């Protein structure tokens, strides 16, 4: 009995097909991995740039909102003058406040 070469050829072809599929999928996955790593590096750079921009904006805000800067602008551009007299202090009798509160409660009850 002579064996046919067809099953051996078929087996070799199937093995070659499986090996080729594995190699091609490996190469494809490697390219995808490298692309994702490249994107990650770009996004990390963008994030770092955004953080730097945020720090610069905060520093600019602090420079503009400092008391010395506001006072100098108010005096020079707006013509405002610093107060030299103390603030007005208003004293109110606590008994008077209590009486007014009682009258209001009585009115709305």
N, C-alpha and C. Protein backbone atom coordinates (compact mmCIF):
# COMPACT_ATOMS: atom_id res chain seq x y z
N UNK A 1 0.82 -1.17 0.00
CA UNK A 1 0.00 0.00 0.00
C UNK A 1 0.87 1.24 0.00
N UNK A 2 0.53 2.03 -0.92
CA UNK A 2 1.28 3.26 -1.05
C UNK A 2 0.46 4.40 -0.47
N UNK A 3 1.11 5.17 0.39
CA UNK A 3 0.40 6.30 1.00
C UNK A 3 0.38 7.47 0.04
N UNK A 4 -0.70 8.24 0.14
CA UNK A 4 -0.84 9.42 -0.69
C UNK A 4 -0.15 10.60 -0.01
N UNK A 5 0.38 11.50 -0.79
CA UNK A 5 1.07 12.67 -0.25
C UNK A 5 0.10 13.80 0.05
N UNK A 6 -1.15 13.64 -0.32
CA UNK A 6 -2.12 14.71 -0.12
C UNK A 6 -2.32 15.08 1.36
N UNK A 7 -2.48 14.14 2.28
CA UNK A 7 -2.66 14.52 3.68
C UNK A 7 -1.43 15.23 4.25
N UNK A 8 -0.26 14.84 3.85
CA UNK A 8 0.96 15.50 4.35
C UNK A 8 1.04 16.91 3.81
N UNK A 9 0.74 17.09 2.54
CA UNK A 9 0.77 18.43 1.94
C UNK A 9 -0.28 19.31 2.61
N UNK A 10 -1.45 18.76 2.83
CA UNK A 10 -2.51 19.51 3.49
C UNK A 10 -2.10 19.90 4.91
N UNK A 11 -1.49 19.02 5.63
CA UNK A 11 -1.03 19.31 6.99
C UNK A 11 0.03 20.39 6.97
N UNK A 12 0.98 20.31 6.07
CA UNK A 12 2.03 21.33 5.97
C UNK A 12 1.43 22.67 5.60
N UNK A 13 0.49 22.69 4.68
CA UNK A 13 -0.15 23.95 4.29
C UNK A 13 -0.92 24.58 5.46
N UNK A 14 -1.62 23.76 6.22
CA UNK A 14 -2.37 24.27 7.38
C UNK A 14 -1.39 24.84 8.42
N UNK A 15 -0.28 24.12 8.65
CA UNK A 15 0.72 24.61 9.60
C UNK A 15 1.35 25.92 9.13
N UNK A 16 1.63 26.01 7.83
CA UNK A 16 2.18 27.26 7.28
C UNK A 16 1.17 28.40 7.41
N UNK A 17 -0.10 28.10 7.16
CA UNK A 17 -1.14 29.12 7.29
C UNK A 17 -1.25 29.60 8.73
N UNK A 18 -1.22 28.68 9.68
CA UNK A 18 -1.30 29.05 11.10
C UNK A 18 -0.08 29.86 11.50
N UNK A 19 1.11 29.44 11.08
CA UNK A 19 2.35 30.17 11.41
C UNK A 19 2.32 31.56 10.79
N UNK A 20 1.88 31.66 9.55
CA UNK A 20 1.81 32.97 8.88
C UNK A 20 0.81 33.87 9.60
N UNK A 21 -0.31 33.33 9.99
CA UNK A 21 -1.31 34.11 10.72
C UNK A 21 -0.75 34.62 12.04
N UNK A 22 -0.04 33.74 12.77
CA UNK A 22 0.55 34.16 14.04
C UNK A 22 1.60 35.25 13.84
N UNK A 23 2.45 35.10 12.83
CA UNK A 23 3.49 36.10 12.58
C UNK A 23 2.87 37.42 12.17
N UNK A 24 1.89 37.40 11.29
CA UNK A 24 1.25 38.64 10.84
C UNK A 24 0.50 39.32 11.99
N UNK A 25 -0.17 38.54 12.83
CA UNK A 25 -0.88 39.15 13.96
C UNK A 25 0.12 39.73 14.96
N UNK A 26 1.26 39.07 15.14
CA UNK A 26 2.30 39.59 16.02
C UNK A 26 2.84 40.92 15.50
N UNK A 27 3.11 41.00 14.21
CA UNK A 27 3.61 42.24 13.61
C UNK A 27 2.56 43.34 13.72
N UNK A 28 1.31 43.01 13.45
CA UNK A 28 0.23 43.99 13.55
C UNK A 28 0.08 44.51 14.97
N UNK A 29 0.13 43.61 15.94
CA UNK A 29 0.03 44.04 17.33
C UNK A 29 1.22 44.91 17.74
N UNK A 30 2.41 44.59 17.24
CA UNK A 30 3.58 45.40 17.56
C UNK A 30 3.43 46.81 17.00
N UNK A 31 2.93 46.92 15.76
CA UNK A 31 2.71 48.25 15.18
C UNK A 31 1.66 49.03 15.96
N UNK A 32 0.60 48.35 16.36
CA UNK A 32 -0.45 49.01 17.14
C UNK A 32 0.11 49.46 18.49
N UNK A 33 0.93 48.64 19.12
CA UNK A 33 1.55 48.98 20.40
C UNK A 33 2.45 50.21 20.26
N UNK A 34 3.26 50.22 19.21
CA UNK A 34 4.14 51.36 18.99
C UNK A 34 3.35 52.64 18.72
N UNK A 35 2.24 52.52 18.00
CA UNK A 35 1.39 53.68 17.74
C UNK A 35 0.78 54.20 19.05
N UNK A 36 0.32 53.28 19.90
CA UNK A 36 -0.25 53.69 21.18
C UNK A 36 0.78 54.33 22.09
N UNK A 37 2.00 53.80 22.07
CA UNK A 37 3.07 54.40 22.88
C UNK A 37 3.38 55.80 22.37
N UNK A 38 3.39 55.98 21.06
CA UNK A 38 3.64 57.30 20.47
C UNK A 38 2.54 58.28 20.89
N UNK A 39 1.29 57.83 20.84
CA UNK A 39 0.17 58.69 21.26
C UNK A 39 0.28 59.05 22.73
N UNK A 40 0.69 58.07 23.54
CA UNK A 40 0.83 58.31 24.98
C UNK A 40 1.89 59.37 25.23
N UNK A 41 3.00 59.29 24.53
CA UNK A 41 4.07 60.28 24.70
C UNK A 41 3.58 61.66 24.28
N UNK A 42 2.84 61.73 23.17
CA UNK A 42 2.31 63.02 22.72
C UNK A 42 1.32 63.59 23.74
N UNK A 43 0.45 62.74 24.28
CA UNK A 43 -0.52 63.21 25.26
C UNK A 43 0.16 63.64 26.56
N UNK A 44 1.21 62.92 26.96
CA UNK A 44 1.97 63.33 28.14
C UNK A 44 2.60 64.70 27.93
N UNK A 45 3.11 64.94 26.72
CA UNK A 45 3.70 66.25 26.41
C UNK A 45 2.64 67.34 26.46
N UNK A 46 1.47 67.06 25.88
CA UNK A 46 0.37 68.04 25.92
C UNK A 46 -0.05 68.33 27.36
N UNK A 47 -0.12 67.28 28.16
CA UNK A 47 -0.50 67.46 29.57
C UNK A 47 0.52 68.31 30.30
N UNK A 48 1.79 68.06 30.04
CA UNK A 48 2.84 68.85 30.68
C UNK A 48 2.75 70.31 30.23
N UNK A 49 2.50 70.54 28.93
CA UNK A 49 2.35 71.90 28.42
C UNK A 49 1.16 72.60 29.07
N UNK A 50 0.04 71.88 29.21
CA UNK A 50 -1.15 72.46 29.83
C UNK A 50 -0.89 72.80 31.30
N UNK A 51 -0.17 71.94 32.00
CA UNK A 51 0.16 72.23 33.40
C UNK A 51 1.06 73.45 33.51
N UNK A 52 2.03 73.57 32.60
CA UNK A 52 2.90 74.73 32.59
C UNK A 52 2.09 75.99 32.31
N UNK A 53 1.17 75.91 31.36
CA UNK A 53 0.32 77.06 31.03
C UNK A 53 -0.53 77.45 32.24
N UNK A 54 -1.05 76.44 32.95
CA UNK A 54 -1.87 76.70 34.14
C UNK A 54 -1.05 77.41 35.21
N UNK A 55 0.17 76.94 35.44
CA UNK A 55 1.04 77.58 36.43
C UNK A 55 1.34 79.02 36.02
N UNK A 56 1.59 79.24 34.74
CA UNK A 56 1.86 80.60 34.27
C UNK A 56 0.64 81.50 34.45
N UNK A 57 -0.55 80.97 34.17
CA UNK A 57 -1.77 81.75 34.36
C UNK A 57 -1.99 82.09 35.83
N UNK A 58 -1.73 81.14 36.70
CA UNK A 58 -1.89 81.39 38.14
C UNK A 58 -0.90 82.46 38.59
N UNK A 59 0.34 82.36 38.10
CA UNK A 59 1.35 83.36 38.47
C UNK A 59 0.95 84.74 37.95
N UNK A 60 0.44 84.81 36.72
CA UNK A 60 -0.03 86.08 36.17
C UNK A 60 -1.19 86.65 36.96
N UNK A 61 -2.11 85.78 37.35
CA UNK A 61 -3.26 86.22 38.15
C UNK A 61 -2.80 86.77 39.49
N UNK A 62 -1.86 86.07 40.12
CA UNK A 62 -1.36 86.53 41.42
C UNK A 62 -0.63 87.86 41.28
N UNK A 63 0.08 88.04 40.17
CA UNK A 63 0.78 89.31 39.96
C UNK A 63 -0.21 90.45 39.77
N UNK A 64 -1.30 90.20 39.07
CA UNK A 64 -2.28 91.25 38.81
C UNK A 64 -3.16 91.51 40.03
N UNK A 65 -3.45 90.48 40.80
CA UNK A 65 -4.37 90.63 41.92
C UNK A 65 -3.68 90.96 43.24
N UNK A 66 -2.39 91.26 43.21
CA UNK A 66 -1.71 91.62 44.45
C UNK A 66 -2.18 92.99 44.92
N UNK A 67 -2.14 93.20 46.23
CA UNK A 67 -2.65 94.44 46.80
C UNK A 67 -1.88 95.65 46.28
N UNK A 68 -0.57 95.54 46.17
CA UNK A 68 0.23 96.68 45.70
C UNK A 68 -0.16 97.09 44.28
N UNK A 69 -0.40 96.11 43.43
CA UNK A 69 -0.77 96.40 42.04
C UNK A 69 -2.15 97.07 41.97
N UNK A 70 -3.09 96.55 42.73
CA UNK A 70 -4.44 97.11 42.73
C UNK A 70 -4.43 98.53 43.27
N UNK A 71 -3.70 98.75 44.36
CA UNK A 71 -3.64 100.09 44.96
C UNK A 71 -3.00 101.08 44.01
N UNK A 72 -1.91 100.67 43.37
CA UNK A 72 -1.24 101.60 42.45
C UNK A 72 -2.13 101.95 41.26
N UNK A 73 -2.86 100.98 40.73
CA UNK A 73 -3.78 101.25 39.60
C UNK A 73 -4.93 102.14 40.07
N UNK A 74 -5.46 101.87 41.26
CA UNK A 74 -6.57 102.66 41.77
C UNK A 74 -6.15 104.11 41.98
N UNK A 75 -4.95 104.30 42.48
CA UNK A 75 -4.48 105.67 42.73
C UNK A 75 -4.11 106.40 41.44
N UNK A 76 -3.42 105.71 40.54
CA UNK A 76 -2.93 106.40 39.34
C UNK A 76 -4.00 106.54 38.26
N UNK A 77 -4.69 105.47 37.92
CA UNK A 77 -5.64 105.53 36.80
C UNK A 77 -7.03 105.97 37.21
N UNK A 78 -7.47 105.58 38.40
CA UNK A 78 -8.83 105.90 38.81
C UNK A 78 -8.90 107.14 39.69
N UNK A 79 -7.77 107.62 40.15
CA UNK A 79 -7.74 108.83 40.97
C UNK A 79 -8.28 108.63 42.37
N UNK A 80 -8.27 107.44 42.85
CA UNK A 80 -8.75 107.17 44.21
C UNK A 80 -7.69 107.58 45.22
N UNK A 81 -8.15 107.86 46.42
CA UNK A 81 -7.25 108.30 47.49
C UNK A 81 -7.41 107.34 48.66
N UNK A 82 -6.29 107.03 49.30
CA UNK A 82 -6.35 106.16 50.47
C UNK A 82 -7.01 106.89 51.63
N UNK A 83 -7.76 106.20 52.41
CA UNK A 83 -8.44 106.77 53.56
C UNK A 83 -7.43 107.08 54.65
N UNK A 84 -7.50 108.30 55.18
CA UNK A 84 -6.58 108.68 56.24
C UNK A 84 -7.28 108.69 57.59
N UNK A 85 -8.60 108.80 57.57
CA UNK A 85 -9.36 108.78 58.82
C UNK A 85 -9.84 107.36 59.08
N UNK A 86 -10.07 107.05 60.35
CA UNK A 86 -10.55 105.70 60.65
C UNK A 86 -11.97 105.49 60.12
N UNK A 87 -12.34 104.25 60.05
CA UNK A 87 -13.68 103.89 59.58
C UNK A 87 -14.73 104.44 60.54
N UNK A 88 -15.93 104.62 60.04
CA UNK A 88 -17.03 105.06 60.88
C UNK A 88 -17.53 103.85 61.67
N UNK A 89 -17.64 104.02 62.96
CA UNK A 89 -18.11 102.94 63.81
C UNK A 89 -19.52 103.29 64.28
N UNK A 90 -20.42 102.37 64.08
CA UNK A 90 -21.81 102.58 64.47
C UNK A 90 -22.10 101.70 65.68
N UNK A 91 -22.61 102.30 66.74
CA UNK A 91 -22.98 101.55 67.94
C UNK A 91 -24.49 101.52 68.03
N UNK A 92 -25.03 100.34 68.30
CA UNK A 92 -26.47 100.17 68.41
C UNK A 92 -26.75 99.48 69.73
N UNK A 93 -27.79 99.93 70.39
CA UNK A 93 -28.18 99.37 71.67
C UNK A 93 -28.83 98.00 71.44
N UNK A 94 -28.41 97.01 72.17
CA UNK A 94 -28.95 95.65 72.02
C UNK A 94 -30.40 95.60 72.47
N UNK A 95 -30.76 96.40 73.45
CA UNK A 95 -32.15 96.43 73.91
C UNK A 95 -33.06 96.94 72.80
N UNK A 96 -32.59 97.92 72.06
CA UNK A 96 -33.38 98.47 70.96
C UNK A 96 -33.60 97.41 69.87
N UNK A 97 -32.57 96.64 69.60
CA UNK A 97 -32.69 95.56 68.60
C UNK A 97 -33.69 94.52 69.08
N UNK A 98 -33.64 94.18 70.36
CA UNK A 98 -34.56 93.18 70.91
C UNK A 98 -36.00 93.69 70.83
N UNK A 99 -36.22 94.96 71.13
CA UNK A 99 -37.57 95.53 71.05
C UNK A 99 -38.10 95.49 69.61
N UNK A 100 -37.27 95.85 68.65
CA UNK A 100 -37.69 95.83 67.26
C UNK A 100 -38.03 94.40 66.82
N UNK A 101 -37.22 93.44 67.24
CA UNK A 101 -37.48 92.04 66.90
C UNK A 101 -38.81 91.56 67.50
N UNK A 102 -39.10 91.97 68.74
CA UNK A 102 -40.35 91.58 69.38
C UNK A 102 -41.54 92.18 68.64
N UNK A 103 -41.41 93.44 68.24
CA UNK A 103 -42.49 94.09 67.49
C UNK A 103 -42.72 93.39 66.14
N UNK A 104 -41.64 93.01 65.49
CA UNK A 104 -41.78 92.31 64.21
C UNK A 104 -42.43 90.94 64.39
N UNK A 105 -42.04 90.23 65.44
CA UNK A 105 -42.65 88.93 65.70
C UNK A 105 -44.14 89.07 65.97
N UNK A 106 -44.47 90.09 66.77
CA UNK A 106 -45.88 90.31 67.09
C UNK A 106 -46.67 90.69 65.85
N UNK A 107 -46.07 91.46 64.98
CA UNK A 107 -46.74 91.90 63.77
C UNK A 107 -47.03 90.72 62.82
N UNK A 108 -46.09 89.79 62.71
CA UNK A 108 -46.23 88.70 61.74
C UNK A 108 -46.85 87.44 62.34
N UNK A 109 -47.21 87.44 63.62
CA UNK A 109 -47.86 86.27 64.22
C UNK A 109 -49.33 86.29 64.07
